[in-house]
Amino acid sequence: MKKEYDFSRGKRGAVLATAGKTRITIYLDDVILERFKAESERTGKGYQTLINDALAKHVNNAEQPVTAAQVRKILREELAQTR
């Protein structure tokens, strides 16, 4: 082991970049974070992975077009409320 190391050309951050992922800072409600951490304990899957999965699922569902069956269901529900 050397007595001194030269870090003058060193860079901050992760040694190995994760392809397709970006590190961010995010503020979540305590109850939300507690729920995901509890789920993490139950499943053994990391809580950040669970949060990412939930966000991905939401985004994928939001991109789905509304089907004719869904429109009929919505209309039936709305018409039932007006009667």
PDB file of N, CA and C in Angstrom:
ATOM      1  N   MET A   1       0.841  -1.175   0.000  1.00  0.00           N
ATOM      2  CA  MET A   1       0.000   0.000   0.000  1.00  0.00           C
ATOM      3  C   MET A   1       0.887   1.239   0.000  1.00  0.00           C
ATOM      4  N   LYS A   2       0.533   2.208  -0.854  1.00  0.00           N
ATOM      5  CA  LYS A   2       1.321   3.426  -0.943  1.00  0.00           C
ATOM      6  C   LYS A   2       1.081   4.314   0.271  1.00  0.00           C
ATOM      7  N   LYS A   3       2.054   5.173   0.580  1.00  0.00           N
ATOM      8  CA  LYS A   3       1.877   6.136   1.664  1.00  0.00           C
ATOM      9  C   LYS A   3       0.942   7.250   1.232  1.00  0.00           C
ATOM     10  N   GLU A   4       0.963   7.601  -0.053  1.00  0.00           N
ATOM     11  CA  GLU A   4       0.107   8.669  -0.572  1.00  0.00           C
ATOM     12  C   GLU A   4      -0.512   8.241  -1.900  1.00  0.00           C
ATOM     13  N   TYR A   5      -1.712   8.696  -2.119  1.00  0.00           N
ATOM     14  CA  TYR A   5      -2.410   8.447  -3.372  1.00  0.00           C
ATOM     15  C   TYR A   5      -2.789   9.784  -3.981  1.00  0.00           C
ATOM     16  N   ASP A   6      -2.740   9.859  -5.312  1.00  0.00           N
ATOM     17  CA  ASP A   6      -3.071  11.104  -6.013  1.00  0.00           C
ATOM     18  C   ASP A   6      -4.511  11.027  -6.514  1.00  0.00           C
ATOM     19  N   PHE A   7      -5.386  11.811  -5.897  1.00  0.00           N
ATOM     20  CA  PHE A   7      -6.791  11.849  -6.282  1.00  0.00           C
ATOM     21  C   PHE A   7      -7.129  13.102  -7.080  1.00  0.00           C
ATOM     22  N   SER A   8      -6.127  13.806  -7.563  1.00  0.00           N
ATOM     23  CA  SER A   8      -6.370  15.080  -8.254  1.00  0.00           C
ATOM     24  C   SER A   8      -7.189  14.898  -9.535  1.00  0.00           C
ATOM     25  N   ARG A   9      -7.129  13.747 -10.147  1.00  0.00           N
ATOM     26  CA  ARG A   9      -7.914  13.506 -11.367  1.00  0.00           C
ATOM     27  C   ARG A   9      -9.094  12.572 -11.101  1.00  0.00           C
ATOM     28  N   GLY A  10      -9.411  12.382  -9.835  1.00  0.00           N
ATOM     29  CA  GLY A  10     -10.528  11.512  -9.461  1.00  0.00           C
ATOM     30  C   GLY A  10     -11.865  12.163  -9.783  1.00  0.00           C
ATOM     31  N   LYS A  11     -12.867  11.333  -9.949  1.00  0.00           N
ATOM     32  CA  LYS A  11     -14.224  11.801 -10.230  1.00  0.00           C
ATOM     33  C   LYS A  11     -15.148  11.296  -9.148  1.00  0.00           C
ATOM     34  N   ARG A  12     -16.150  12.123  -8.793  1.00  0.00           N
ATOM     35  CA  ARG A  12     -17.128  11.725  -7.798  1.00  0.00           C
ATOM     36  C   ARG A  12     -18.182  10.840  -8.434  1.00  0.00           C
ATOM     37  N   GLY A  13     -18.811  10.032  -7.622  1.00  0.00           N
ATOM     38  CA  GLY A  13     -19.919   9.223  -8.112  1.00  0.00           C
ATOM     39  C   GLY A  13     -19.608   7.750  -8.027  1.00  0.00           C
ATOM     40  N   ALA A  14     -20.547   6.976  -8.531  1.00  0.00           N
ATOM     41  CA  ALA A  14     -20.416   5.521  -8.493  1.00  0.00           C
ATOM     42  C   ALA A  14     -19.248   5.066  -9.353  1.00  0.00           C
ATOM     43  N   VAL A  15     -18.588   4.034  -8.903  1.00  0.00           N
ATOM     44  CA  VAL A  15     -17.465   3.488  -9.652  1.00  0.00           C
ATOM     45  C   VAL A  15     -17.976   2.853 -10.942  1.00  0.00           C
ATOM     46  N   LEU A  16     -19.048   2.088 -10.830  1.00  0.00           N
ATOM     47  CA  LEU A  16     -19.648   1.463 -12.002  1.00  0.00           C
ATOM     48  C   LEU A  16     -21.024   2.077 -12.238  1.00  0.00           C
ATOM     49  N   ALA A  17     -21.197   2.702 -13.362  1.00  0.00           N
ATOM     50  CA  ALA A  17     -22.495   3.290 -13.695  1.00  0.00           C
ATOM     51  C   ALA A  17     -23.500   2.187 -14.005  1.00  0.00           C
ATOM     52  N   THR A  18     -24.732   2.374 -13.566  1.00  0.00           N
ATOM     53  CA  THR A  18     -25.790   1.416 -13.848  1.00  0.00           C
ATOM     54  C   THR A  18     -26.475   1.841 -15.144  1.00  0.00           C
ATOM     55  N   ALA A  19     -26.406   1.003 -16.149  1.00  0.00           N
ATOM     56  CA  ALA A  19     -26.999   1.334 -17.447  1.00  0.00           C
ATOM     57  C   ALA A  19     -28.512   1.396 -17.334  1.00  0.00           C
ATOM     58  N   GLY A  20     -29.104   2.458 -17.855  1.00  0.00           N
ATOM     59  CA  GLY A  20     -30.552   2.578 -17.895  1.00  0.00           C
ATOM     60  C   GLY A  20     -31.177   3.071 -16.610  1.00  0.00           C
ATOM     61  N   LYS A  21     -30.372   3.483 -15.646  1.00  0.00           N
ATOM     62  CA  LYS A  21     -30.906   3.983 -14.376  1.00  0.00           C
ATOM     63  C   LYS A  21     -30.199   5.284 -14.032  1.00  0.00           C
ATOM     64  N   THR A  22     -30.921   6.158 -13.342  1.00  0.00           N
ATOM     65  CA  THR A  22     -30.376   7.444 -12.925  1.00  0.00           C
ATOM     66  C   THR A  22     -30.629   7.629 -11.441  1.00  0.00           C
ATOM     67  N   ARG A  23     -29.612   8.063 -10.736  1.00  0.00           N
ATOM     68  CA  ARG A  23     -29.747   8.337  -9.303  1.00  0.00           C
ATOM     69  C   ARG A  23     -30.394   9.703  -9.134  1.00  0.00           C
ATOM     70  N   ILE A  24     -31.443   9.752  -8.301  1.00  0.00           N
ATOM     71  CA  ILE A  24     -32.133  11.011  -8.021  1.00  0.00           C
ATOM     72  C   ILE A  24     -32.401  11.120  -6.522  1.00  0.00           C
ATOM     73  N   THR A  25     -32.768  12.313  -6.114  1.00  0.00           N
ATOM     74  CA  THR A  25     -33.265  12.523  -4.757  1.00  0.00           C
ATOM     75  C   THR A  25     -34.744  12.803  -4.875  1.00  0.00           C
ATOM     76  N   ILE A  26     -35.536  12.142  -4.048  1.00  0.00           N
ATOM     77  CA  ILE A  26     -36.987  12.298  -4.107  1.00  0.00           C
ATOM     78  C   ILE A  26     -37.525  12.313  -2.685  1.00  0.00           C
ATOM     79  N   TYR A  27     -38.517  13.149  -2.446  1.00  0.00           N
ATOM     80  CA  TYR A  27     -39.167  13.197  -1.148  1.00  0.00           C
ATOM     81  C   TYR A  27     -40.496  12.469  -1.247  1.00  0.00           C
ATOM     82  N   LEU A  28     -40.701  11.494  -0.356  1.00  0.00           N
ATOM     83  CA  LEU A  28     -41.930  10.723  -0.319  1.00  0.00           C
ATOM     84  C   LEU A  28     -42.575  10.896   1.049  1.00  0.00           C
ATOM     85  N   ASP A  29     -43.881  10.776   1.111  1.00  0.00           N
ATOM     86  CA  ASP A  29     -44.564  10.800   2.401  1.00  0.00           C
ATOM     87  C   ASP A  29     -44.066   9.633   3.240  1.00  0.00           C
ATOM     88  N   ASP A  30     -43.956   9.864   4.551  1.00  0.00           N
ATOM     89  CA  ASP A  30     -43.451   8.827   5.454  1.00  0.00           C
ATOM     90  C   ASP A  30     -44.270   7.548   5.373  1.00  0.00           C
ATOM     91  N   VAL A  31     -45.600   7.694   5.301  1.00  0.00           N
ATOM     92  CA  VAL A  31     -46.450   6.497   5.270  1.00  0.00           C
ATOM     93  C   VAL A  31     -46.234   5.685   3.993  1.00  0.00           C
ATOM     94  N   ILE A  32     -45.953   6.369   2.898  1.00  0.00           N
ATOM     95  CA  ILE A  32     -45.684   5.671   1.628  1.00  0.00           C
ATOM     96  C   ILE A  32     -44.382   4.885   1.752  1.00  0.00           C
ATOM     97  N   LEU A  33     -43.357   5.546   2.247  1.00  0.00           N
ATOM     98  CA  LEU A  33     -42.066   4.880   2.388  1.00  0.00           C
ATOM     99  C   LEU A  33     -42.150   3.705   3.366  1.00  0.00           C
ATOM    100  N   GLU A  34     -42.868   3.887   4.469  1.00  0.00           N
ATOM    101  CA  GLU A  34     -43.040   2.802   5.435  1.00  0.00           C
ATOM    102  C   GLU A  34     -43.738   1.599   4.797  1.00  0.00           C
ATOM    103  N   ARG A  35     -44.744   1.882   3.961  1.00  0.00           N
ATOM    104  CA  ARG A  35     -45.477   0.797   3.302  1.00  0.00           C
ATOM    105  C   ARG A  35     -44.551  -0.005   2.391  1.00  0.00           C
ATOM    106  N   PHE A  36     -43.738   0.701   1.601  1.00  0.00           N
ATOM    107  CA  PHE A  36     -42.836   0.001   0.688  1.00  0.00           C
ATOM    108  C   PHE A  36     -41.735  -0.746   1.449  1.00  0.00           C
ATOM    109  N   LYS A  37     -41.269  -0.187   2.550  1.00  0.00           N
ATOM    110  CA  LYS A  37     -40.256  -0.885   3.350  1.00  0.00           C
ATOM    111  C   LYS A  37     -40.844  -2.136   4.004  1.00  0.00           C
ATOM    112  N   ALA A  38     -42.100  -2.045   4.458  1.00  0.00           N
ATOM    113  CA  ALA A  38     -42.759  -3.226   5.027  1.00  0.00           C
ATOM    114  C   ALA A  38     -42.935  -4.301   3.958  1.00  0.00           C
ATOM    115  N   GLU A  39     -43.345  -3.887   2.773  1.00  0.00           N
ATOM    116  CA  GLU A  39     -43.492  -4.828   1.652  1.00  0.00           C
ATOM    117  C   GLU A  39     -42.141  -5.448   1.303  1.00  0.00           C
ATOM    118  N   SER A  40     -41.091  -4.647   1.386  1.00  0.00           N
ATOM    119  CA  SER A  40     -39.742  -5.131   1.119  1.00  0.00           C
ATOM    120  C   SER A  40     -39.343  -6.216   2.114  1.00  0.00           C
ATOM    121  N   GLU A  41     -39.650  -5.993   3.382  1.00  0.00           N
ATOM    122  CA  GLU A  41     -39.357  -6.998   4.414  1.00  0.00           C
ATOM    123  C   GLU A  41     -40.123  -8.286   4.146  1.00  0.00           C
ATOM    124  N   ARG A  42     -41.383  -8.127   3.726  1.00  0.00           N
ATOM    125  CA  ARG A  42     -42.246  -9.283   3.483  1.00  0.00           C
ATOM    126  C   ARG A  42     -41.784 -10.096   2.281  1.00  0.00           C
ATOM    127  N   THR A  43     -41.386  -9.403   1.209  1.00  0.00           N
ATOM    128  CA  THR A  43     -41.060 -10.087  -0.040  1.00  0.00           C
ATOM    129  C   THR A  43     -39.575 -10.362  -0.239  1.00  0.00           C
ATOM    130  N   GLY A  44     -38.730  -9.613   0.477  1.00  0.00           N
ATOM    131  CA  GLY A  44     -37.293  -9.766   0.274  1.00  0.00           C
ATOM    132  C   GLY A  44     -36.780  -8.990  -0.915  1.00  0.00           C
ATOM    133  N   LYS A  45     -37.649  -8.214  -1.549  1.00  0.00           N
ATOM    134  CA  LYS A  45     -37.286  -7.387  -2.687  1.00  0.00           C
ATOM    135  C   LYS A  45     -36.996  -5.978  -2.170  1.00  0.00           C
ATOM    136  N   GLY A  46     -35.994  -5.293  -2.700  1.00  0.00           N
ATOM    137  CA  GLY A  46     -35.640  -3.962  -2.231  1.00  0.00           C
ATOM    138  C   GLY A  46     -36.780  -2.962  -2.361  1.00  0.00           C
ATOM    139  N   TYR A  47     -36.889  -2.065  -1.369  1.00  0.00           N
ATOM    140  CA  TYR A  47     -38.009  -1.117  -1.403  1.00  0.00           C
ATOM    141  C   TYR A  47     -37.909  -0.155  -2.576  1.00  0.00           C
ATOM    142  N   GLN A  48     -36.695   0.200  -2.996  1.00  0.00           N
ATOM    143  CA  GLN A  48     -36.555   1.079  -4.154  1.00  0.00           C
ATOM    144  C   GLN A  48     -36.998   0.369  -5.426  1.00  0.00           C
ATOM    145  N   THR A  49     -36.714  -0.909  -5.502  1.00  0.00           N
ATOM    146  CA  THR A  49     -37.168  -1.710  -6.647  1.00  0.00           C
ATOM    147  C   THR A  49     -38.691  -1.771  -6.666  1.00  0.00           C
ATOM    148  N   LEU A  50     -39.303  -1.940  -5.485  1.00  0.00           N
ATOM    149  CA  LEU A  50     -40.764  -1.977  -5.406  1.00  0.00           C
ATOM    150  C   LEU A  50     -41.381  -0.650  -5.838  1.00  0.00           C
ATOM    151  N   ILE A  51     -40.777   0.457  -5.418  1.00  0.00           N
ATOM    152  CA  ILE A  51     -41.268   1.777  -5.822  1.00  0.00           C
ATOM    153  C   ILE A  51     -41.143   1.933  -7.333  1.00  0.00           C
ATOM    154  N   ASN A  52     -40.011   1.528  -7.885  1.00  0.00           N
ATOM    155  CA  ASN A  52     -39.800   1.619  -9.334  1.00  0.00           C
ATOM    156  C   ASN A  52     -40.828   0.766 -10.082  1.00  0.00           C
ATOM    157  N   ASP A  53     -41.096  -0.443  -9.575  1.00  0.00           N
ATOM    158  CA  ASP A  53     -42.084  -1.325 -10.207  1.00  0.00           C
ATOM    159  C   ASP A  53     -43.479  -0.692 -10.190  1.00  0.00           C
ATOM    160  N   ALA A  54     -43.837  -0.069  -9.049  1.00  0.00           N
ATOM    161  CA  ALA A  54     -45.152   0.570  -8.939  1.00  0.00           C
ATOM    162  C   ALA A  54     -45.270   1.742  -9.910  1.00  0.00           C
ATOM    163  N   LEU A  55     -44.214   2.531 -10.032  1.00  0.00           N
ATOM    164  CA  LEU A  55     -44.238   3.657 -10.975  1.00  0.00           C
ATOM    165  C   LEU A  55     -44.306   3.165 -12.417  1.00  0.00           C
ATOM    166  N   ALA A  56     -43.555   2.122 -12.727  1.00  0.00           N
ATOM    167  CA  ALA A  56     -43.580   1.571 -14.089  1.00  0.00           C
ATOM    168  C   ALA A  56     -44.965   1.035 -14.428  1.00  0.00           C
ATOM    169  N   LYS A  57     -45.587   0.358 -13.471  1.00  0.00           N
ATOM    170  CA  LYS A  57     -46.932  -0.176 -13.691  1.00  0.00           C
ATOM    171  C   LYS A  57     -47.922   0.960 -13.944  1.00  0.00           C
ATOM    172  N   HIS A  58     -47.815   2.020 -13.152  1.00  0.00           N
ATOM    173  CA  HIS A  58     -48.708   3.168 -13.326  1.00  0.00           C
ATOM    174  C   HIS A  58     -48.530   3.802 -14.705  1.00  0.00           C
ATOM    175  N   VAL A  59     -47.287   3.990 -15.112  1.00  0.00           N
ATOM    176  CA  VAL A  59     -47.005   4.601 -16.416  1.00  0.00           C
ATOM    177  C   VAL A  59     -47.544   3.720 -17.535  1.00  0.00           C
ATOM    178  N   ASN A  60     -47.336   2.411 -17.432  1.00  0.00           N
ATOM    179  CA  ASN A  60     -47.816   1.498 -18.471  1.00  0.00           C
ATOM    180  C   ASN A  60     -49.335   1.485 -18.541  1.00  0.00           C
ATOM    181  N   ASN A  61     -50.008   1.553 -17.386  1.00  0.00           N
ATOM    182  CA  ASN A  61     -51.471   1.590 -17.376  1.00  0.00           C
ATOM    183  C   ASN A  61     -51.987   2.903 -17.941  1.00  0.00           C
ATOM    184  N   ALA A  62     -51.291   3.993 -17.668  1.00  0.00           N
ATOM    185  CA  ALA A  62     -51.722   5.303 -18.147  1.00  0.00           C
ATOM    186  C   ALA A  62     -51.614   5.402 -19.668  1.00  0.00           C
ATOM    187  N   GLU A  63     -50.735   4.618 -20.258  1.00  0.00           N
ATOM    188  CA  GLU A  63     -50.529   4.676 -21.702  1.00  0.00           C
ATOM    189  C   GLU A  63     -51.502   3.790 -22.474  1.00  0.00           C
ATOM    190  N   GLN A  64     -52.255   2.956 -21.774  1.00  0.00           N
ATOM    191  CA  GLN A  64     -53.182   2.052 -22.446  1.00  0.00           C
ATOM    192  C   GLN A  64     -54.395   2.834 -22.943  1.00  0.00           C
ATOM    193  N   PRO A  65     -54.814   2.609 -24.181  1.00  0.00           N
ATOM    194  CA  PRO A  65     -56.008   3.293 -24.678  1.00  0.00           C
ATOM    195  C   PRO A  65     -57.263   2.780 -23.972  1.00  0.00           C
ATOM    196  N   VAL A  66     -58.255   3.634 -23.890  1.00  0.00           N
ATOM    197  CA  VAL A  66     -59.523   3.257 -23.268  1.00  0.00           C
ATOM    198  C   VAL A  66     -60.279   2.361 -24.248  1.00  0.00           C
ATOM    199  N   THR A  67     -60.755   1.233 -23.760  1.00  0.00           N
ATOM    200  CA  THR A  67     -61.471   0.298 -24.619  1.00  0.00           C
ATOM    201  C   THR A  67     -62.954   0.651 -24.647  1.00  0.00           C
ATOM    202  N   ALA A  68     -63.657   0.109 -25.623  1.00  0.00           N
ATOM    203  CA  ALA A  68     -65.098   0.327 -25.738  1.00  0.00           C
ATOM    204  C   ALA A  68     -65.817  -0.219 -24.506  1.00  0.00           C
ATOM    205  N   ALA A  69     -65.359  -1.341 -23.977  1.00  0.00           N
ATOM    206  CA  ALA A  69     -65.977  -1.923 -22.784  1.00  0.00           C
ATOM    207  C   ALA A  69     -65.819  -0.992 -21.588  1.00  0.00           C
ATOM    208  N   GLN A  70     -64.665  -0.351 -21.469  1.00  0.00           N
ATOM    209  CA  GLN A  70     -64.455   0.583 -20.374  1.00  0.00           C
ATOM    210  C   GLN A  70     -65.352   1.814 -20.516  1.00  0.00           C
ATOM    211  N   VAL A  71     -65.517   2.292 -21.733  1.00  0.00           N
ATOM    212  CA  VAL A  71     -66.387   3.449 -21.973  1.00  0.00           C
ATOM    213  C   VAL A  71     -67.826   3.106 -21.604  1.00  0.00           C
ATOM    214  N   ARG A  72     -68.297   1.908 -22.011  1.00  0.00           N
ATOM    215  CA  ARG A  72     -69.655   1.494 -21.669  1.00  0.00           C
ATOM    216  C   ARG A  72     -69.838   1.407 -20.151  1.00  0.00           C
ATOM    217  N   LYS A  73     -68.852   0.852 -19.468  1.00  0.00           N
ATOM    218  CA  LYS A  73     -68.928   0.724 -18.012  1.00  0.00           C
ATOM    219  C   LYS A  73     -68.994   2.109 -17.360  1.00  0.00           C
ATOM    220  N   ILE A  74     -68.165   3.012 -17.794  1.00  0.00           N
ATOM    221  CA  ILE A  74     -68.157   4.381 -17.249  1.00  0.00           C
ATOM    222  C   ILE A  74     -69.500   5.054 -17.490  1.00  0.00           C
ATOM    223  N   LEU A  75     -70.023   4.917 -18.698  1.00  0.00           N
ATOM    224  CA  LEU A  75     -71.318   5.531 -19.016  1.00  0.00           C
ATOM    225  C   LEU A  75     -72.433   4.953 -18.152  1.00  0.00           C
ATOM    226  N   ARG A  76     -72.450   3.624 -17.969  1.00  0.00           N
ATOM    227  CA  ARG A  76     -73.465   3.000 -17.115  1.00  0.00           C
ATOM    228  C   ARG A  76     -73.385   3.536 -15.695  1.00  0.00           C
ATOM    229  N   GLU A  77     -72.170   3.652 -15.175  1.00  0.00           N
ATOM    230  CA  GLU A  77     -71.987   4.154 -13.814  1.00  0.00           C
ATOM    231  C   GLU A  77     -72.446   5.610 -13.698  1.00  0.00           C
ATOM    232  N   GLU A  78     -72.125   6.418 -14.689  1.00  0.00           N
ATOM    233  CA  GLU A  78     -72.508   7.838 -14.649  1.00  0.00           C
ATOM    234  C   GLU A  78     -74.020   7.997 -14.796  1.00  0.00           C
ATOM    235  N   LEU A  79     -74.608   7.210 -15.682  1.00  0.00           N
ATOM    236  CA  LEU A  79     -76.063   7.300 -15.871  1.00  0.00           C
ATOM    237  C   LEU A  79     -76.798   6.823 -14.612  1.00  0.00           C
ATOM    238  N   ALA A  80     -76.266   5.817 -13.943  1.00  0.00           N
ATOM    239  CA  ALA A  80     -76.890   5.311 -12.721  1.00  0.00           C
ATOM    240  C   ALA A  80     -76.859   6.373 -11.626  1.00  0.00           C
ATOM    241  N   GLN A  81     -75.846   7.204 -11.602  1.00  0.00           N
ATOM    242  CA  GLN A  81     -75.728   8.257 -10.578  1.00  0.00           C
ATOM    243  C   GLN A  81     -76.701   9.403 -10.834  1.00  0.00           C
ATOM    244  N   THR A  82     -77.092   9.616 -12.097  1.00  0.00           N
ATOM    245  CA  THR A  82     -77.982  10.737 -12.424  1.00  0.00           C
ATOM    246  C   THR A  82     -79.444  10.386 -12.203  1.00  0.00           C
ATOM    247  N   ARG A  83     -79.768   9.139 -12.015  1.00  0.00           N
ATOM    248  CA  ARG A  83     -81.171   8.708 -11.859  1.00  0.00           C
ATOM    249  C   ARG A  83     -81.630   8.884 -10.453  1.00  0.00           C
TER     250      ARG A  83
END
